Amino acid sequence: MSDLPHWGVISTIKAPLPAVLDFAAWHLELGAHRLYLYLDDPAPETQALLAAHPKIRVWQTDAAWWHKRGGRPEKHQVRQCRNARHTNNRTPEVDWLCHIDVDEFLLPAYPIAEQLAELDLNTLCARIRPVEALAPGKGTAPQDTAFKAFHLDQHERQRAAEDCFPTWGAHLSGGFLSHVAGKLFFRSGLKGLDIRIHNVTLDGVQNPGQVDLTSCELGHFHAATWEHFLNAFRFRLSKGSYRAELKPQVRKDGALSLHDLFTRIEANGGEDALRAFYTEVCTATPALCDKLEAHGLLRRRVMALPGLRHKHFPGYTPA
């Protein structure tokens, strides 16, 4: 259909080049008309490869970039939001924008443009609910990526979490380590739109005309491997999604915040205890996959990212 809306992705990126190209290739393959990518650290090779693609707009947010904008915000979350607003304030090249991270992959059941075309004109934003990637394990075939989902109903969500993750599920919303709020598609070019990580506000109204985009999920590779989890652990504990000022995910007496939970686990057993946590909560073991399946919360996807990377960036040769 020629009248299908165009859509694009915004992301502020600090990641190795192969991961950036995987993210870009996946969304180009899904039909993104534009990718608006902001490099948070100097990355000349990444910038050159991305800039050569006709559907990608890329900016190096260096000292000169932030000097023109009143200084570089200390928190990466603030930089992300500022960059998203930069794209939205430009002349629109797409009808819809989605603000996501480099470790988040849209997983539509059918083409995203068709899903967006079905939305009412009064719908200004559409929420995509997350599913969290599990590390490869004996519960999946080699070509599969397994994801855990969660129930929207709070009571059902917690019951499933405590069944699937018996040791730590009482402290984890849906068994997730990261957000359950999801991210948004929003109509581009809305003047005065305040874009945050999980929400947008227009004229004092948060998420105006929001619906759920029920046929698309957001695959979040928050802790894709044990090494990934461990390498990000200290940053997340001090400045990221496990930082001390965040409240417990689970709203009930006795539930610990992720910061307090991980601090306690590490204090009691060090890295071995963290590894045991990771095995139970984040790894596609047969037992976990069976339990998730029984609760209707297991997703499987063949992603074939190396092939897509080669298709969309044939000039890149891994070292």
Protein backbone atom coordinates (compact mmCIF):
# COMPACT_ATOMS: atom_id res chain seq x y z
CA MET A 1 0.00 0.00 0.00
CA SER A 2 1.47 3.32 -1.08
CA ASP A 3 -0.33 5.28 1.61
CA LEU A 4 1.19 3.42 4.56
CA PRO A 5 2.86 5.73 7.08
CA HIS A 6 6.63 6.01 7.30
CA TRP A 7 8.23 5.31 10.65
CA GLY A 8 11.64 5.83 12.17
CA VAL A 9 13.76 5.00 15.21
CA ILE A 10 15.72 7.35 17.49
CA SER A 11 18.55 6.02 19.62
CA THR A 12 21.47 7.42 21.61
CA ILE A 13 24.21 4.84 21.25
CA LYS A 14 27.32 3.76 23.12
CA ALA A 15 28.13 0.24 21.98
CA PRO A 16 30.64 -1.79 19.96
CA LEU A 17 30.33 -1.40 16.20
CA PRO A 18 28.89 -4.90 15.51
CA ALA A 19 26.11 -4.30 18.03
CA VAL A 20 25.29 -0.93 16.47
CA LEU A 21 25.13 -2.45 12.99
CA ASP A 22 22.95 -5.33 14.23
CA PHE A 23 20.51 -2.82 15.74
CA ALA A 24 20.45 -0.73 12.57
CA ALA A 25 20.18 -3.69 10.20
CA TRP A 26 17.31 -5.25 12.14
CA HIS A 27 15.19 -2.13 12.00
CA LEU A 28 16.03 -1.39 8.37
CA GLU A 29 14.92 -4.93 7.55
CA LEU A 30 11.64 -4.30 9.38
CA GLY A 31 10.99 -1.34 7.10
CA ALA A 32 12.21 1.70 9.02
CA HIS A 33 12.26 4.70 6.68
CA ARG A 34 14.83 6.51 8.80
CA LEU A 35 17.15 5.77 11.71
CA TYR A 36 18.23 8.80 13.77
CA LEU A 37 21.33 7.74 15.69
CA TYR A 38 23.32 9.81 18.20
CA LEU A 39 26.79 8.55 19.11
CA ASP A 40 27.39 9.25 22.79
CA ASP A 41 31.19 8.73 22.56
CA PRO A 42 33.63 9.36 19.69
CA ALA A 43 33.35 6.50 17.17
CA PRO A 44 34.68 7.59 13.74
CA GLU A 45 34.37 4.16 12.08
CA THR A 46 30.83 3.71 13.35
CA GLN A 47 29.88 7.19 12.19
CA ALA A 48 31.34 6.64 8.72
CA LEU A 49 29.59 3.32 8.16
CA LEU A 50 26.23 4.61 9.38
CA ALA A 51 26.43 7.91 7.50
CA ALA A 52 27.01 6.07 4.23
CA HIS A 53 23.56 4.47 4.43
CA PRO A 54 20.83 6.58 2.76
CA LYS A 55 18.22 5.82 5.41
CA ILE A 56 20.41 6.70 8.41
CA ARG A 57 21.01 10.10 9.94
CA VAL A 58 23.90 10.05 12.43
CA TRP A 59 25.37 12.66 14.76
CA GLN A 60 28.54 12.57 16.85
CA THR A 61 27.49 14.25 20.11
CA ASP A 62 30.97 15.51 20.95
CA ALA A 63 32.06 18.51 23.01
CA ALA A 64 31.21 20.93 20.19
CA TRP A 65 27.73 19.42 19.87
CA TRP A 66 26.93 19.91 23.54
CA HIS A 67 28.64 23.31 23.75
CA LYS A 68 26.05 24.62 21.29
CA ARG A 69 23.33 23.19 23.52
CA GLY A 70 24.39 24.63 26.86
CA GLY A 71 26.71 21.84 28.01
CA ARG A 72 26.70 18.06 28.16
CA PRO A 73 24.21 16.68 30.72
CA GLU A 74 25.88 14.38 33.22
CA LYS A 75 23.12 11.75 33.19
CA HIS A 76 22.87 9.62 30.08
CA GLN A 77 19.09 9.51 30.46
CA VAL A 78 18.95 13.31 30.03
CA ARG A 79 21.19 13.14 26.97
CA GLN A 80 18.90 10.53 25.45
CA CYS A 81 15.84 12.72 25.89
CA ARG A 82 17.57 15.82 24.56
CA ASN A 83 18.65 13.94 21.46
CA ALA A 84 15.16 12.57 20.90
CA ARG A 85 13.75 16.08 21.03
CA HIS A 86 16.39 17.17 18.51
CA THR A 87 15.03 14.66 15.98
CA ASN A 88 11.41 15.55 16.68
CA ASN A 89 12.13 19.27 16.18
CA ARG A 90 13.68 18.70 12.74
CA THR A 91 11.67 18.76 9.53
CA PRO A 92 9.78 15.45 9.69
CA GLU A 93 10.90 12.71 7.32
CA VAL A 94 8.59 10.14 8.87
CA ASP A 95 5.06 10.05 10.29
CA TRP A 96 5.91 8.14 13.47
CA LEU A 97 8.99 7.96 15.69
CA CYS A 98 10.06 5.40 18.27
CA HIS A 99 12.69 6.23 20.91
CA ILE A 100 14.52 3.06 21.98
CA ASP A 101 17.97 1.87 23.09
CA VAL A 102 20.58 -0.02 21.10
CA ASP A 103 19.83 -3.21 23.04
CA GLU A 104 16.10 -3.03 22.20
CA PHE A 105 14.67 -4.62 19.06
CA LEU A 106 11.13 -4.17 17.76
CA LEU A 107 9.43 -7.56 17.31
CA PRO A 108 6.27 -7.07 15.22
CA ALA A 109 3.82 -9.84 14.39
CA TYR A 110 3.19 -8.16 11.01
CA PRO A 111 4.60 -5.01 9.34
CA ILE A 112 4.88 -2.03 11.65
CA ALA A 113 3.67 0.40 8.98
CA GLU A 114 0.44 -1.61 8.66
CA GLN A 115 -0.05 -1.57 12.43
CA LEU A 116 0.44 2.20 12.59
CA ALA A 117 -1.94 2.72 9.65
CA GLU A 118 -4.68 1.02 11.66
CA LEU A 119 -4.52 3.57 14.49
CA ASP A 120 -7.16 6.24 14.91
CA LEU A 121 -6.16 9.78 13.95
CA ASN A 122 -6.69 10.83 17.58
CA THR A 123 -4.05 8.34 18.72
CA LEU A 124 -0.88 10.35 19.26
CA CYS A 125 1.20 7.57 20.81
CA ALA A 126 1.25 3.78 20.97
CA ARG A 127 3.00 1.73 23.64
CA ILE A 128 5.15 -1.30 22.89
CA ARG A 129 5.45 -3.70 25.81
CA PRO A 130 8.85 -5.30 26.47
CA VAL A 131 9.94 -8.90 26.48
CA GLU A 132 13.33 -9.64 28.03
CA ALA A 133 15.88 -11.79 26.20
CA LEU A 134 17.19 -14.92 27.89
CA ALA A 135 20.77 -16.05 27.53
CA PRO A 136 21.17 -19.10 25.28
CA GLY A 137 20.65 -22.35 27.14
CA LYS A 138 19.53 -25.94 26.67
CA GLY A 139 15.90 -24.80 26.54
CA THR A 140 16.28 -23.36 23.05
CA ALA A 141 17.54 -24.45 19.64
CA PRO A 142 20.83 -22.84 18.51
CA GLN A 143 19.13 -20.48 16.03
CA ASP A 144 16.42 -19.35 18.48
CA THR A 145 16.37 -16.38 20.80
CA ALA A 146 14.05 -16.90 23.76
CA PHE A 147 12.32 -14.03 25.54
CA LYS A 148 10.28 -13.86 28.73
CA ALA A 149 7.10 -11.80 28.71
CA PHE A 150 4.84 -10.69 31.58
CA HIS A 151 1.15 -10.35 32.34
CA LEU A 152 -0.37 -6.88 32.44
CA ASP A 153 -2.55 -7.79 35.42
CA GLN A 154 -0.42 -7.15 38.51
CA HIS A 155 -1.71 -10.09 40.55
CA GLU A 156 -1.32 -12.55 37.69
CA ARG A 157 2.12 -11.11 36.89
CA GLN A 158 3.42 -11.65 40.40
CA ARG A 159 1.94 -15.11 40.71
CA ALA A 160 3.71 -16.16 37.50
CA ALA A 161 6.98 -14.51 38.53
CA GLU A 162 7.12 -16.33 41.85
CA ASP A 163 6.35 -19.64 40.14
CA CYS A 164 8.90 -19.20 37.34
CA PHE A 165 11.61 -17.64 39.53
CA PRO A 166 11.05 -19.17 42.97
CA THR A 167 14.17 -17.81 44.68
CA TRP A 168 13.96 -14.14 43.66
CA GLY A 169 10.61 -13.66 41.91
CA ALA A 170 9.10 -11.90 44.94
CA HIS A 171 11.39 -8.93 44.22
CA LEU A 172 11.12 -8.88 40.41
CA SER A 173 8.16 -7.50 38.51
CA GLY A 174 7.36 -10.28 36.08
CA GLY A 175 10.84 -11.68 36.61
CA PHE A 176 12.31 -8.70 34.74
CA LEU A 177 15.59 -6.99 35.56
CA SER A 178 14.77 -3.97 33.46
CA HIS A 179 11.70 -1.88 32.74
CA VAL A 180 8.22 -3.28 32.22
CA ALA A 181 6.88 0.12 31.13
CA GLY A 182 7.92 -0.35 27.52
CA LYS A 183 8.57 2.39 24.97
CA LEU A 184 6.41 4.51 22.68
CA PHE A 185 5.76 5.22 19.06
CA PHE A 186 4.58 8.83 18.78
CA ARG A 187 3.48 11.00 15.88
CA SER A 188 6.40 13.08 14.66
CA GLY A 189 6.65 16.85 14.56
CA LEU A 190 4.28 17.59 17.45
CA LYS A 191 5.36 21.03 18.64
CA GLY A 192 6.15 21.28 22.34
CA LEU A 193 6.34 17.50 22.79
CA ASP A 194 8.42 16.59 25.85
CA ILE A 195 10.02 13.20 25.18
CA ARG A 196 11.22 11.11 28.10
CA ILE A 197 12.48 7.53 28.27
CA HIS A 198 9.11 5.81 28.69
CA ASN A 199 6.58 8.61 28.20
CA VAL A 200 5.80 11.79 26.27
CA THR A 201 3.93 14.87 27.42
CA LEU A 202 2.08 17.41 25.29
CA ASP A 203 0.39 20.53 26.72
CA GLY A 204 0.53 19.06 30.22
CA VAL A 205 -1.06 15.74 29.19
CA GLN A 206 1.04 12.61 29.57
CA ASN A 207 0.84 10.15 26.68
CA PRO A 208 -2.13 11.82 24.97
CA GLY A 209 -4.42 9.39 23.16
CA GLN A 210 -2.25 6.41 24.09
CA VAL A 211 -3.08 2.88 22.96
CA ASP A 212 -1.15 -0.37 23.19
CA LEU A 213 0.43 -1.62 19.98
CA THR A 214 -0.62 -5.16 20.83
CA SER A 215 0.92 -6.86 17.78
CA CYS A 216 4.43 -5.59 18.45
CA GLU A 217 6.74 -6.31 21.35
CA LEU A 218 10.10 -4.84 22.30
CA GLY A 219 12.82 -7.42 22.64
CA HIS A 220 15.19 -6.11 25.30
CA PHE A 221 18.68 -7.64 25.45
CA HIS A 222 19.28 -6.22 28.91
CA ALA A 223 21.49 -9.11 30.06
CA ALA A 224 22.02 -11.12 26.89
CA THR A 225 24.98 -13.08 28.29
CA TRP A 226 26.59 -13.56 31.69
CA GLU A 227 29.57 -11.49 30.53
CA HIS A 228 27.26 -8.69 29.36
CA PHE A 229 25.44 -8.68 32.69
CA LEU A 230 28.66 -8.64 34.71
CA ASN A 231 30.36 -5.96 32.60
CA ALA A 232 27.38 -3.62 32.99
CA PHE A 233 26.73 -4.45 36.64
CA ARG A 234 28.79 -1.72 38.37
CA PHE A 235 27.52 1.06 36.13
CA ARG A 236 23.91 -0.03 36.51
CA LEU A 237 24.32 -0.32 40.28
CA SER A 238 25.68 3.23 40.60
CA LYS A 239 24.12 5.20 37.72
CA GLY A 240 21.84 2.96 35.71
CA SER A 241 18.75 0.84 36.15
CA TYR A 242 19.89 -0.69 39.49
CA ARG A 243 20.81 2.61 41.15
CA ALA A 244 19.93 3.20 44.79
CA GLU A 245 17.29 5.91 44.36
CA LEU A 246 14.96 3.68 42.35
CA LYS A 247 12.05 2.12 44.23
CA PRO A 248 11.33 -1.61 44.42
CA GLN A 249 9.76 -3.01 41.26
CA VAL A 250 7.22 -4.98 43.27
CA ARG A 251 4.75 -2.96 45.31
CA LYS A 252 4.33 -5.12 48.39
CA ASP A 253 5.78 -5.33 51.89
CA GLY A 254 9.23 -6.85 52.03
CA ALA A 255 10.08 -6.40 48.36
CA LEU A 256 13.62 -5.13 47.76
CA SER A 257 14.75 -2.67 45.13
CA LEU A 258 17.10 -4.09 42.52
CA HIS A 259 19.94 -2.13 44.13
CA ASP A 260 19.28 -3.63 47.54
CA LEU A 261 18.64 -7.09 46.11
CA PHE A 262 21.89 -7.23 44.15
CA THR A 263 23.87 -5.68 47.00
CA ARG A 264 22.56 -8.37 49.34
CA ILE A 265 23.19 -11.21 46.90
CA GLU A 266 26.77 -10.09 46.27
CA ALA A 267 27.48 -9.50 49.97
CA ASN A 268 26.29 -13.00 50.85
CA GLY A 269 28.01 -14.93 48.09
CA GLY A 270 30.05 -12.73 45.79
CA GLU A 271 30.24 -13.39 42.06
CA ASP A 272 29.15 -17.02 42.47
CA ALA A 273 25.87 -15.88 44.02
CA LEU A 274 25.31 -13.37 41.23
CA ARG A 275 25.95 -16.16 38.73
CA ALA A 276 23.37 -18.38 40.44
CA PHE A 277 20.86 -15.53 40.21
CA TYR A 278 21.66 -15.08 36.53
CA THR A 279 21.24 -18.78 35.81
CA GLU A 280 17.78 -18.89 37.40
CA VAL A 281 16.41 -15.60 36.12
CA CYS A 282 18.16 -14.88 32.83
CA THR A 283 19.09 -18.19 31.18
CA ALA A 284 16.98 -20.30 28.82
CA THR A 285 17.15 -23.50 30.84
CA PRO A 286 14.62 -26.24 29.97
CA ALA A 287 12.94 -25.80 33.37
CA LEU A 288 12.48 -22.05 32.96
CA CYS A 289 11.29 -22.31 29.35
CA ASP A 290 8.75 -24.96 30.36
CA LYS A 291 7.42 -22.79 33.19
CA LEU A 292 7.22 -19.68 31.01
CA GLU A 293 5.44 -21.71 28.32
CA ALA A 294 2.91 -22.95 30.86
CA HIS A 295 2.12 -19.35 31.81
CA GLY A 296 1.93 -18.23 28.18
CA LEU A 297 5.02 -16.05 28.67
CA LEU A 298 7.65 -17.66 26.41
CA ARG A 299 8.51 -16.04 23.10
CA ARG A 300 10.87 -17.54 20.52
CA ARG A 301 12.37 -15.64 17.60
CA VAL A 302 14.90 -16.46 14.91
CA MET A 303 16.82 -13.21 14.41
CA ALA A 304 19.82 -14.16 12.22
CA LEU A 305 21.54 -10.85 12.93
CA PRO A 306 24.90 -11.57 11.25
CA GLY A 307 23.13 -12.18 7.94
CA LEU A 308 21.11 -8.99 8.22
CA ARG A 309 24.23 -7.04 9.14
CA HIS A 310 25.97 -8.27 5.99
CA LYS A 311 22.90 -7.51 3.85
CA HIS A 312 22.54 -3.89 4.96
CA PHE A 313 26.23 -3.09 5.58
CA PRO A 314 28.12 -5.21 3.03
CA GLY A 315 31.18 -2.98 3.36
CA TYR A 316 31.76 -4.00 6.96
CA THR A 317 34.15 -6.88 7.60
CA PRO A 318 34.52 -8.01 11.24
CA ALA A 319 38.10 -7.88 12.50
